[in-house]
C-alpha atoms as a PDB file:
ATOM      1  CA  MET A   1       3.384 -13.461 -10.082  1.00  0.00           C
ATOM      2  CA  LEU A   2       3.496 -10.106  -8.534  1.00  0.00           C
ATOM      3  CA  ALA A   3       0.510  -8.913  -6.330  1.00  0.00           C
ATOM      4  CA  ALA A   4      -0.488  -5.426  -5.297  1.00  0.00           C
ATOM      5  CA  VAL A   5      -2.053  -4.965  -1.898  1.00  0.00           C
ATOM      6  CA  ILE A   6      -3.915  -1.682  -1.197  1.00  0.00           C
ATOM      7  CA  LEU A   7      -4.339  -1.071   2.444  1.00  0.00           C
ATOM      8  CA  SER A   8      -7.596   0.855   3.006  1.00  0.00           C
ATOM      9  CA  GLY A   9      -9.013  -0.798   6.236  1.00  0.00           C
ATOM     10  CA  GLY A  10      -8.653   2.056   8.814  1.00  0.00           C
ATOM     11  CA  ALA A  11     -11.250   4.327  10.184  1.00  0.00           C
ATOM     12  CA  SER A  12      -9.753   7.599   8.882  1.00  0.00           C
ATOM     13  CA  ARG A  13     -10.593   9.268  12.165  1.00  0.00           C
ATOM     14  CA  ARG A  14      -8.266  12.015  11.868  1.00  0.00           C
ATOM     15  CA  MET A  15      -9.374  12.719   8.199  1.00  0.00           C
ATOM     16  CA  GLY A  16     -12.947  12.629   9.073  1.00  0.00           C
ATOM     17  CA  SER A  17     -14.010  10.696   5.941  1.00  0.00           C
ATOM     18  CA  PRO A  18     -12.741   7.644   4.155  1.00  0.00           C
ATOM     19  CA  LYS A  19      -9.261   8.393   2.795  1.00  0.00           C
ATOM     20  CA  ALA A  20      -9.838   5.836  -0.096  1.00  0.00           C
ATOM     21  CA  LEU A  21     -12.669   8.224  -1.482  1.00  0.00           C
ATOM     22  CA  LEU A  22     -10.704  11.700  -1.212  1.00  0.00           C
ATOM     23  CA  PRO A  23     -10.097  13.246  -4.531  1.00  0.00           C
ATOM     24  CA  TYR A  24      -6.593  13.242  -6.283  1.00  0.00           C
ATOM     25  CA  GLN A  25      -6.498  14.870  -9.710  1.00  0.00           C
ATOM     26  CA  GLY A  26     -10.220  14.526  -9.974  1.00  0.00           C
ATOM     27  CA  ARG A  27     -10.378  10.952  -8.739  1.00  0.00           C
ATOM     28  CA  PRO A  28     -10.667   9.146  -5.526  1.00  0.00           C
ATOM     29  CA  PHE A  29      -7.304   8.155  -3.969  1.00  0.00           C
ATOM     30  CA  LEU A  30      -8.215   4.504  -4.412  1.00  0.00           C
ATOM     31  CA  ASP A  31      -9.017   4.830  -8.092  1.00  0.00           C
ATOM     32  CA  HIS A  32      -5.549   6.354  -8.572  1.00  0.00           C
ATOM     33  CA  LEU A  33      -3.880   3.472  -6.788  1.00  0.00           C
ATOM     34  CA  LEU A  34      -5.994   0.906  -8.707  1.00  0.00           C
ATOM     35  CA  ASP A  35      -4.860   2.546 -12.040  1.00  0.00           C
ATOM     36  CA  ILE A  36      -1.258   2.361 -11.490  1.00  0.00           C
ATOM     37  CA  THR A  37      -1.299  -1.206 -10.074  1.00  0.00           C
ATOM     38  CA  LYS A  38      -3.049  -2.774 -12.944  1.00  0.00           C
ATOM     39  CA  PRO A  39      -1.816  -5.443 -15.629  1.00  0.00           C
ATOM     40  CA  PRO A  40       0.608  -5.585 -17.245  1.00  0.00           C
ATOM     41  CA  ARG A  41       2.753  -4.566 -14.265  1.00  0.00           C
ATOM     42  CA  ILE A  42       0.754  -6.326 -11.712  1.00  0.00           C
ATOM     43  CA  GLN A  43      -0.883  -9.709 -12.023  1.00  0.00           C
ATOM     44  CA  LEU A  44      -3.140  -9.915  -8.902  1.00  0.00           C
ATOM     45  CA  ARG A  45      -4.664  -7.214  -6.781  1.00  0.00           C
ATOM     46  CA  ARG A  46      -6.158  -7.254  -3.125  1.00  0.00           C
ATOM     47  CA  VAL A  47      -7.881  -4.161  -1.743  1.00  0.00           C
ATOM     48  CA  VAL A  48      -8.165  -4.587   2.083  1.00  0.00           C
ATOM     49  CA  LEU A  49     -11.238  -2.833   3.448  1.00  0.00           C
ATOM     50  CA  GLY A  50     -12.400  -2.493   6.961  1.00  0.00           C
ATOM     51  CA  ALA A  51     -14.127   0.368   8.827  1.00  0.00           C
ATOM     52  CA  ASP A  52     -15.588   2.003   5.692  1.00  0.00           C
ATOM     53  CA  SER A  53     -16.004  -1.005   3.545  1.00  0.00           C
ATOM     54  CA  GLU A  54     -19.577  -0.496   2.390  1.00  0.00           C
ATOM     55  CA  SER A  55     -19.223   3.073   1.454  1.00  0.00           C
ATOM     56  CA  ILE A  56     -15.936   2.343  -0.566  1.00  0.00           C
ATOM     57  CA  ARG A  57     -17.739  -0.581  -2.235  1.00  0.00           C
ATOM     58  CA  LYS A  58     -20.466   1.585  -3.360  1.00  0.00           C
ATOM     59  CA  GLU A  59     -18.202   4.224  -4.895  1.00  0.00           C
ATOM     60  CA  ILE A  60     -15.263   2.250  -6.292  1.00  0.00           C
ATOM     61  CA  LEU A  61     -15.546  -0.539  -8.981  1.00  0.00           C
ATOM     62  CA  LEU A  62     -13.837  -3.669  -7.519  1.00  0.00           C
ATOM     63  CA  SER A  63     -14.303  -7.281  -8.291  1.00  0.00           C
ATOM     64  CA  ALA A  64     -15.195  -9.643  -5.625  1.00  0.00           C
ATOM     65  CA  GLU A  65     -11.971 -11.553  -5.862  1.00  0.00           C
ATOM     66  CA  GLU A  66     -10.176  -8.152  -5.238  1.00  0.00           C
ATOM     67  CA  ILE A  67     -11.672  -7.384  -1.990  1.00  0.00           C
ATOM     68  CA  ILE A  68     -10.624  -8.465   1.357  1.00  0.00           C
ATOM     69  CA  VAL A  69     -12.554  -7.259   4.196  1.00  0.00           C
ATOM     70  CA  ASN A  70     -10.456  -7.146   7.452  1.00  0.00           C
ATOM     71  CA  LEU A  71     -12.821  -7.626  10.349  1.00  0.00           C
ATOM     72  CA  ASP A  72     -10.020  -7.064  12.625  1.00  0.00           C
ATOM     73  CA  TRP A  73      -9.126  -3.659  11.213  1.00  0.00           C
ATOM     74  CA  GLU A  74      -8.994  -1.935  14.638  1.00  0.00           C
ATOM     75  CA  LYS A  75      -5.862  -4.017  15.418  1.00  0.00           C
ATOM     76  CA  GLY A  76      -3.928  -1.801  12.861  1.00  0.00           C
ATOM     77  CA  GLN A  77      -2.389  -1.853   9.441  1.00  0.00           C
ATOM     78  CA  LEU A  78      -0.398  -4.692   9.768  1.00  0.00           C
ATOM     79  CA  SER A  79      -3.624  -6.856  10.498  1.00  0.00           C
ATOM     80  CA  SER A  80      -4.948  -5.745   7.139  1.00  0.00           C
ATOM     81  CA  LEU A  81      -1.652  -6.713   5.341  1.00  0.00           C
ATOM     82  CA  GLN A  82      -1.696 -10.166   7.030  1.00  0.00           C
ATOM     83  CA  ALA A  83      -5.396 -10.519   5.743  1.00  0.00           C
ATOM     84  CA  ALA A  84      -4.294  -9.751   2.221  1.00  0.00           C
ATOM     85  CA  LEU A  85      -1.175 -12.159   2.512  1.00  0.00           C
ATOM     86  CA  ARG A  86      -3.298 -15.002   3.582  1.00  0.00           C
ATOM     87  CA  SER A  87      -5.397 -14.678   0.533  1.00  0.00           C
ATOM     88  CA  LEU A  88      -2.670 -14.757  -1.897  1.00  0.00           C
ATOM     89  CA  PRO A  89      -2.093 -17.844  -3.962  1.00  0.00           C
ATOM     90  CA  PRO A  90       1.322 -19.910  -3.552  1.00  0.00           C
ATOM     91  CA  GLU A  91       2.710 -18.536  -6.782  1.00  0.00           C
ATOM     92  CA  ALA A  92       2.764 -15.118  -5.475  1.00  0.00           C
ATOM     93  CA  GLU A  93       6.436 -13.980  -5.807  1.00  0.00           C
ATOM     94  CA  ALA A  94       5.898 -10.645  -3.867  1.00  0.00           C
ATOM     95  CA  ALA A  95       3.456  -7.971  -2.742  1.00  0.00           C
ATOM     96  CA  LEU A  96       3.699  -4.383  -3.483  1.00  0.00           C
ATOM     97  CA  VAL A  97       2.147  -2.701  -0.594  1.00  0.00           C
ATOM     98  CA  CYS A  98       0.315   0.536  -1.150  1.00  0.00           C
ATOM     99  CA  PRO A  99      -1.195   2.317   1.766  1.00  0.00           C
ATOM    100  CA  VAL A 100      -4.303   4.402   0.642  1.00  0.00           C
ATOM    101  CA  ASP A 101      -3.086   7.468   2.429  1.00  0.00           C
ATOM    102  CA  HIS A 102       0.202   7.512   0.150  1.00  0.00           C
ATOM    103  CA  PRO A 103      -1.494   8.251  -3.141  1.00  0.00           C
ATOM    104  CA  LEU A 104       0.775  10.630  -4.571  1.00  0.00           C
ATOM    105  CA  ILE A 105       2.944   8.054  -6.521  1.00  0.00           C
ATOM    106  CA  SER A 106       3.134   7.356 -10.169  1.00  0.00           C
ATOM    107  CA  ALA A 107       3.047   4.166 -12.325  1.00  0.00           C
ATOM    108  CA  ALA A 108       6.626   5.008 -13.240  1.00  0.00           C
ATOM    109  CA  LEU A 109       7.889   4.653  -9.529  1.00  0.00           C
ATOM    110  CA  VAL A 110       5.932   1.494  -9.314  1.00  0.00           C
ATOM    111  CA  ASP A 111       7.634   0.179 -12.526  1.00  0.00           C
ATOM    112  CA  GLU A 112      11.137   1.193 -10.996  1.00  0.00           C
ATOM    113  CA  LEU A 113      10.369  -0.705  -7.794  1.00  0.00           C
ATOM    114  CA  ILE A 114       9.308  -3.798  -9.934  1.00  0.00           C
ATOM    115  CA  VAL A 115      12.462  -3.659 -11.968  1.00  0.00           C
ATOM    116  CA  ALA A 116      14.464  -3.451  -8.754  1.00  0.00           C
ATOM    117  CA  PHE A 117      12.850  -6.467  -7.287  1.00  0.00           C
ATOM    118  CA  GLN A 118      13.045  -8.651 -10.340  1.00  0.00           C
ATOM    119  CA  GLY A 119      16.653  -7.654 -10.701  1.00  0.00           C
ATOM    120  CA  THR A 120      17.703  -8.544  -7.136  1.00  0.00           C
ATOM    121  CA  ARG A 121      14.974 -10.506  -5.514  1.00  0.00           C
ATOM    122  CA  ALA A 122      15.546  -8.619  -2.492  1.00  0.00           C
ATOM    123  CA  PRO A 123      13.245  -9.505   0.602  1.00  0.00           C
ATOM    124  CA  VAL A 124      12.391  -5.747   0.982  1.00  0.00           C
ATOM    125  CA  VAL A 125      12.551  -3.058  -1.768  1.00  0.00           C
ATOM    126  CA  VAL A 126      11.693   0.696  -0.890  1.00  0.00           C
ATOM    127  CA  PRO A 127      11.687   3.995  -2.602  1.00  0.00           C
ATOM    128  CA  VAL A 128      13.782   6.754  -1.018  1.00  0.00           C
ATOM    129  CA  PHE A 129      13.354  10.358  -1.276  1.00  0.00           C
ATOM    130  CA  GLU A 130      16.057  12.762  -0.092  1.00  0.00           C
ATOM    131  CA  GLY A 131      17.288  10.110   2.246  1.00  0.00           C
ATOM    132  CA  ARG A 132      13.814   9.132   3.467  1.00  0.00           C
ATOM    133  CA  ARG A 133      12.207   5.816   2.969  1.00  0.00           C
ATOM    134  CA  GLY A 134       8.672   5.747   1.702  1.00  0.00           C
ATOM    135  CA  HIS A 135       5.832   3.723   0.024  1.00  0.00           C
ATOM    136  CA  PRO A 136       4.961   1.528  -1.632  1.00  0.00           C
ATOM    137  CA  VAL A 137       7.185  -1.112  -0.529  1.00  0.00           C
ATOM    138  CA  ILE A 138       7.715  -4.512  -2.054  1.00  0.00           C
ATOM    139  CA  PHE A 139       7.927  -7.484   0.074  1.00  0.00           C
ATOM    140  CA  SER A 140       9.245 -10.783  -1.270  1.00  0.00           C
ATOM    141  CA  SER A 141       7.247 -13.986  -0.642  1.00  0.00           C
ATOM    142  CA  ALA A 142      10.393 -15.132   1.317  1.00  0.00           C
ATOM    143  CA  VAL A 143       9.330 -12.978   4.095  1.00  0.00           C
ATOM    144  CA  PHE A 144       5.513 -13.492   3.927  1.00  0.00           C
ATOM    145  CA  ALA A 145       5.885 -15.779   6.904  1.00  0.00           C
ATOM    146  CA  GLU A 146       7.683 -13.284   9.013  1.00  0.00           C
ATOM    147  CA  LEU A 147       5.054 -10.514   8.288  1.00  0.00           C
ATOM    148  CA  LEU A 148       2.305 -13.024   9.313  1.00  0.00           C
ATOM    149  CA  ALA A 149       4.102 -13.465  12.461  1.00  0.00           C
ATOM    150  CA  ALA A 150       5.113  -9.940  13.165  1.00  0.00           C
ATOM    151  CA  PRO A 151       3.756  -8.206  16.297  1.00  0.00           C
ATOM    152  CA  LEU A 152       0.905  -6.046  15.577  1.00  0.00           C
ATOM    153  CA  ASP A 153       2.148  -3.196  17.579  1.00  0.00           C
ATOM    154  CA  VAL A 154       5.429  -2.999  15.734  1.00  0.00           C
ATOM    155  CA  GLY A 155       3.850  -3.750  12.232  1.00  0.00           C
ATOM    156  CA  ALA A 156       5.827  -4.486   9.002  1.00  0.00           C
ATOM    157  CA  ARG A 157       8.735  -2.461  10.341  1.00  0.00           C
ATOM    158  CA  ALA A 158       9.695  -5.571  12.437  1.00  0.00           C
ATOM    159  CA  VAL A 159      10.486  -7.435   9.110  1.00  0.00           C
ATOM    160  CA  VAL A 160      12.207  -4.367   7.630  1.00  0.00           C
ATOM    161  CA  TRP A 161      14.524  -4.060  10.637  1.00  0.00           C
ATOM    162  CA  ALA A 162      15.183  -7.757  10.484  1.00  0.00           C
ATOM    163  CA  HIS A 163      16.566  -7.437   6.974  1.00  0.00           C
ATOM    164  CA  LYS A 164      18.267  -4.160   7.127  1.00  0.00           C
ATOM    165  CA  GLY A 165      21.298  -5.286   5.322  1.00  0.00           C
ATOM    166  CA  GLU A 166      19.403  -6.901   2.452  1.00  0.00           C
ATOM    167  CA  ILE A 167      17.073  -3.953   1.675  1.00  0.00           C
ATOM    168  CA  VAL A 168      17.171  -2.475  -1.796  1.00  0.00           C
ATOM    169  CA  GLU A 169      16.423   1.244  -1.918  1.00  0.00           C
ATOM    170  CA  VAL A 170      15.251   2.930  -5.140  1.00  0.00           C
ATOM    171  CA  SER A 171      16.072   6.538  -5.196  1.00  0.00           C
ATOM    172  CA  THR A 172      13.259   8.742  -6.595  1.00  0.00           C
ATOM    173  CA  ASN A 173      12.564  12.515  -7.017  1.00  0.00           C
ATOM    174  CA  GLU A 174       8.784  11.626  -6.214  1.00  0.00           C
ATOM    175  CA  GLU A 175       8.154  13.487  -2.859  1.00  0.00           C
ATOM    176  CA  GLY A 176       4.783  11.773  -2.885  1.00  0.00           C
ATOM    177  CA  CYS A 177       6.343   8.498  -1.519  1.00  0.00           C
ATOM    178  CA  VAL A 178       7.032  10.088   1.864  1.00  0.00           C
ATOM    179  CA  LEU A 179       3.831  12.189   1.943  1.00  0.00           C
ATOM    180  CA  ASN A 180       1.300  10.495   4.435  1.00  0.00           C
ATOM    181  CA  LEU A 181      -2.150  12.089   3.772  1.00  0.00           C
ATOM    182  CA  ASN A 182      -3.826  11.159   6.999  1.00  0.00           C
ATOM    183  CA  ASP A 183      -5.511  14.375   8.299  1.00  0.00           C
ATOM    184  CA  PRO A 184      -7.255  17.438   6.754  1.00  0.00           C
ATOM    185  CA  ASP A 185      -4.144  19.630   7.131  1.00  0.00           C
ATOM    186  CA  ALA A 186      -2.001  17.219   5.119  1.00  0.00           C
ATOM    187  CA  PHE A 187      -4.701  17.066   2.474  1.00  0.00           C
ATOM    188  CA  LEU A 188      -4.988  20.810   2.234  1.00  0.00           C
ATOM    189  CA  LYS A 189      -1.492  21.222   1.652  1.00  0.00           C
ATOM    190  CA  ILE A 190      -1.380  18.959  -1.442  1.00  0.00           C
ATOM    191  CA  SER A 191      -4.804  19.942  -2.829  1.00  0.00           C
ATOM    192  CA  GLY A 192      -5.027  23.429  -1.994  1.00  0.00           C
ATOM    193  CA  ALA A 193      -8.716  22.946  -0.992  1.00  0.00           C
ATOM    194  CA  PRO A 194     -10.196  22.082   2.346  1.00  0.00           C
ATOM    195  CA  LEU A 195     -12.306  18.889   2.748  1.00  0.00           C
END
């Protein structure tokens, strides 16, 4: 079983409004990520909410079992990932981790990452655009315990560094995997429209 974890727990302070609800191709960022992480490619989803949980729940159709509210969202992104991992069933083989501020990815890229994971069972699978690693990242269940024990100030990078010799990189021409849309200027560059 492959799970998708969409991280949308932060306060979006730099953006000034919830990133999950910003428009991408006429739909909210979160809607796009939900669309590319649905069955059959993904069997289970968790959407981690935090600071703006109420406004996001009003706008986006999510089932109760998909929603994880991270009450410790102020501790950073890893705390949201940890909340999602704790909610996964034992049969989850891996988690495809999608930060909500990296929405410019396609279903095709998700499929390529899944194929790479299924073919190698690597602890970490990452997309690479022009030599730069991006998102989403697949973490095998073999490293879930390490993610749960990782220091909050370092984040999931601690686990990536610990397995640097075992990482499988998937080359892509999708620049979106390295575009972090976390402030109005970044959004303006990709949308052509100010917030």
